[in-house]
Amino acid sequence: MEIAKRYENYPLWIVILSNLNTLGIYALGIVIMLQAGGIVSLLYLVYVLLLEFRLIRYHCTSCYYFGKTCGFGQGRLSALFFKKGDISKFCNKTMFWKDMIPDLLISLIPLITGIVLLIVKFNLLLLFAILLVIALTTQGNAYIRGKLTCNYCKQRDLGCPANELFNKKK
């Protein structure tokens, strides 16, 4: 099996496409949550921002791409606000499925909220937003991570807990 080339800095078009997918999920989540009320959508937005902060503060600072352009642009963003961490902390971390729960909730919270709202009062636009969140979360993320980012990542070669979780040898 041939190893794909690794990017030192990802092309801008990959970063843009990756972020459009992520921002699309966030925006649709906020739109769905707005149907439940302004405070609920504000709480959801705060949750999203806290997870993004956690990522760039505690994960990106120890990644190979700190200060560089990773597939999501987070390495450069992290370097604007924080000092470089210890890459061995990134490589030696073990990730379990339970560690994914906060990230999964980004999509699950609006999906469950949207389904409940649909049961209470059907709304075609709300249904469309829910289906779009499902598509971006499943197919969008699968394409971004499966085809555009993870295959070309240098951190993957050094040790990536997510890669080890998702691609366990059978």
Protein backbone atom coordinates (compact mmCIF):
# COMPACT_ATOMS: atom_id res chain seq x y z
CA MET A 1 0.00 0.00 0.00
CA GLU A 2 1.37 3.37 -1.02
CA ILE A 3 1.60 6.09 1.62
CA ALA A 4 -0.06 9.36 0.58
CA LYS A 5 2.10 12.46 0.49
CA ARG A 6 1.99 14.52 3.67
CA TYR A 7 1.40 18.27 3.73
CA GLU A 8 3.73 20.57 5.61
CA ASN A 9 1.03 23.23 5.17
CA TYR A 10 -2.36 22.30 3.74
CA PRO A 11 -3.63 24.08 0.62
CA LEU A 12 -6.01 26.93 1.38
CA TRP A 13 -8.86 25.31 -0.55
CA ILE A 14 -8.86 22.33 1.86
CA VAL A 15 -8.89 24.64 4.89
CA ILE A 16 -11.80 26.61 3.41
CA LEU A 17 -13.80 23.50 2.53
CA SER A 18 -13.16 21.95 5.96
CA ASN A 19 -14.27 25.10 7.73
CA LEU A 20 -17.33 25.57 5.53
CA ASN A 21 -18.50 22.10 6.56
CA THR A 22 -17.87 22.77 10.25
CA LEU A 23 -19.38 26.26 10.18
CA GLY A 24 -22.37 24.88 8.28
CA ILE A 25 -23.01 22.38 11.08
CA TYR A 26 -22.66 25.11 13.70
CA ALA A 27 -24.89 27.58 11.83
CA LEU A 28 -27.61 25.02 11.18
CA GLY A 29 -27.40 23.96 14.83
CA ILE A 30 -27.96 27.55 15.92
CA VAL A 31 -30.86 27.95 13.48
CA ILE A 32 -32.49 24.79 14.82
CA MET A 33 -31.88 25.84 18.42
CA LEU A 34 -33.37 29.28 17.70
CA GLN A 35 -36.66 27.49 17.07
CA ALA A 36 -36.54 26.42 20.73
CA GLY A 37 -35.74 29.94 21.93
CA GLY A 38 -33.07 32.60 22.04
CA ILE A 39 -31.58 31.52 25.37
CA VAL A 40 -31.35 27.89 24.21
CA SER A 41 -29.55 28.92 21.02
CA LEU A 42 -27.22 31.18 23.00
CA LEU A 43 -26.35 28.29 25.34
CA TYR A 44 -25.66 26.10 22.31
CA LEU A 45 -23.39 28.79 20.82
CA VAL A 46 -21.47 29.07 24.10
CA TYR A 47 -21.05 25.27 24.11
CA VAL A 48 -19.67 25.34 20.55
CA LEU A 49 -17.26 28.16 21.42
CA LEU A 50 -16.05 26.34 24.55
CA LEU A 51 -15.31 23.20 22.52
CA GLU A 52 -13.42 25.22 19.90
CA PHE A 53 -11.45 26.96 22.67
CA ARG A 54 -10.65 23.58 24.24
CA LEU A 55 -9.41 22.34 20.88
CA ILE A 56 -7.07 25.21 20.04
CA ARG A 57 -5.86 25.62 23.63
CA TYR A 58 -5.30 22.04 24.74
CA HIS A 59 -4.89 19.99 21.56
CA CYS A 60 -3.57 22.23 18.79
CA THR A 61 -0.78 23.63 20.98
CA SER A 62 0.80 20.16 21.12
CA CYS A 63 0.20 19.22 17.48
CA TYR A 64 2.82 19.06 14.73
CA TYR A 65 0.84 21.73 12.88
CA PHE A 66 1.07 24.34 15.67
CA GLY A 67 1.92 27.58 13.85
CA LYS A 68 1.35 25.86 10.50
CA THR A 69 -1.66 25.41 8.27
CA CYS A 70 -3.37 22.17 9.22
CA GLY A 71 -6.38 20.91 7.30
CA PHE A 72 -8.63 23.08 9.47
CA GLY A 73 -6.41 26.14 9.97
CA GLN A 74 -6.44 25.58 13.72
CA GLY A 75 -2.65 25.32 14.02
CA ARG A 76 -2.19 28.91 12.91
CA LEU A 77 -5.10 30.11 15.02
CA SER A 78 -3.73 28.36 18.11
CA ALA A 79 -0.31 29.96 17.61
CA LEU A 80 -1.89 33.43 17.63
CA PHE A 81 -3.12 33.00 21.21
CA PHE A 82 -1.07 30.32 22.96
CA LYS A 83 2.47 29.04 23.48
CA LYS A 84 3.62 25.83 21.84
CA GLY A 85 2.96 22.75 23.93
CA ASP A 86 4.71 19.41 24.17
CA ILE A 87 4.14 17.28 21.05
CA SER A 88 4.75 14.09 23.05
CA LYS A 89 1.55 14.87 25.02
CA PHE A 90 -0.40 14.82 21.77
CA CYS A 91 1.23 11.62 20.55
CA ASN A 92 0.89 9.69 23.81
CA LYS A 93 -2.75 10.50 24.52
CA THR A 94 -5.14 7.58 24.18
CA MET A 95 -8.59 8.39 22.92
CA PHE A 96 -11.71 6.42 23.71
CA TRP A 97 -15.21 6.63 22.27
CA LYS A 98 -16.42 8.36 25.45
CA ASP A 99 -13.97 11.17 24.69
CA MET A 100 -15.96 11.85 21.52
CA ILE A 101 -19.21 12.58 23.37
CA PRO A 102 -18.72 16.38 23.66
CA ASP A 103 -17.98 16.58 19.92
CA LEU A 104 -20.91 14.33 19.01
CA LEU A 105 -23.23 16.54 21.04
CA ILE A 106 -22.50 19.42 18.64
CA SER A 107 -24.78 17.66 16.14
CA LEU A 108 -26.91 15.56 18.49
CA ILE A 109 -28.23 18.47 20.56
CA PRO A 110 -29.77 20.30 17.58
CA LEU A 111 -30.92 17.01 16.01
CA ILE A 112 -32.78 15.88 19.11
CA THR A 113 -34.15 19.38 19.68
CA GLY A 114 -35.24 19.60 16.05
CA ILE A 115 -36.97 16.21 16.14
CA VAL A 116 -38.87 17.18 19.30
CA LEU A 117 -39.89 20.47 17.67
CA LEU A 118 -41.03 18.61 14.54
CA ILE A 119 -43.22 16.35 16.66
CA VAL A 120 -44.75 19.35 18.42
CA LYS A 121 -45.34 21.26 15.19
CA PHE A 122 -44.17 20.11 11.78
CA ASN A 123 -42.10 22.63 9.82
CA LEU A 124 -40.64 21.82 6.41
CA LEU A 125 -37.69 24.23 6.78
CA LEU A 126 -36.82 22.72 10.14
CA LEU A 127 -36.91 19.25 8.60
CA PHE A 128 -34.60 20.45 5.81
CA ALA A 129 -32.17 21.93 8.39
CA ILE A 130 -32.14 18.65 10.32
CA LEU A 131 -31.45 16.62 7.18
CA LEU A 132 -28.68 19.02 6.19
CA VAL A 133 -27.03 18.71 9.63
CA ILE A 134 -27.17 14.93 9.28
CA ALA A 135 -25.62 15.13 5.80
CA LEU A 136 -22.82 17.52 6.84
CA THR A 137 -22.08 15.57 10.02
CA THR A 138 -21.94 12.18 8.34
CA GLN A 139 -21.07 12.53 4.66
CA GLY A 140 -19.42 15.96 4.92
CA ASN A 141 -17.13 15.00 7.78
CA ALA A 142 -16.40 11.61 6.24
CA TYR A 143 -15.27 13.26 3.01
CA ILE A 144 -13.27 16.03 4.70
CA ARG A 145 -11.49 13.76 7.14
CA GLY A 146 -11.38 10.63 5.00
CA LYS A 147 -10.26 12.15 1.72
CA LEU A 148 -8.86 15.65 2.31
CA THR A 149 -7.25 15.99 5.73
CA CYS A 150 -6.28 12.87 7.68
CA ASN A 151 -4.68 11.07 4.73
CA TYR A 152 -2.17 13.90 4.27
CA CYS A 153 -1.46 14.68 7.93
CA LYS A 154 2.09 14.54 9.29
CA GLN A 155 0.80 14.31 12.86
CA ARG A 156 -0.86 11.04 11.88
CA ASP A 157 2.59 9.54 11.31
CA LEU A 158 3.88 10.85 14.65
CA GLY A 159 0.88 9.60 16.60
CA CYS A 160 -2.71 10.71 16.46
CA PRO A 161 -5.19 9.49 19.07
CA ALA A 162 -8.16 10.08 16.73
CA ASN A 163 -6.52 8.11 13.92
CA GLU A 164 -5.81 5.26 16.31
CA LEU A 165 -9.43 5.30 17.53
CA PHE A 166 -11.04 5.39 14.08
CA ASN A 167 -8.58 3.13 12.27
CA LYS A 168 -7.91 0.34 14.75
CA LYS A 169 -6.24 -2.67 13.20
CA LYS A 170 -8.51 -5.72 13.25
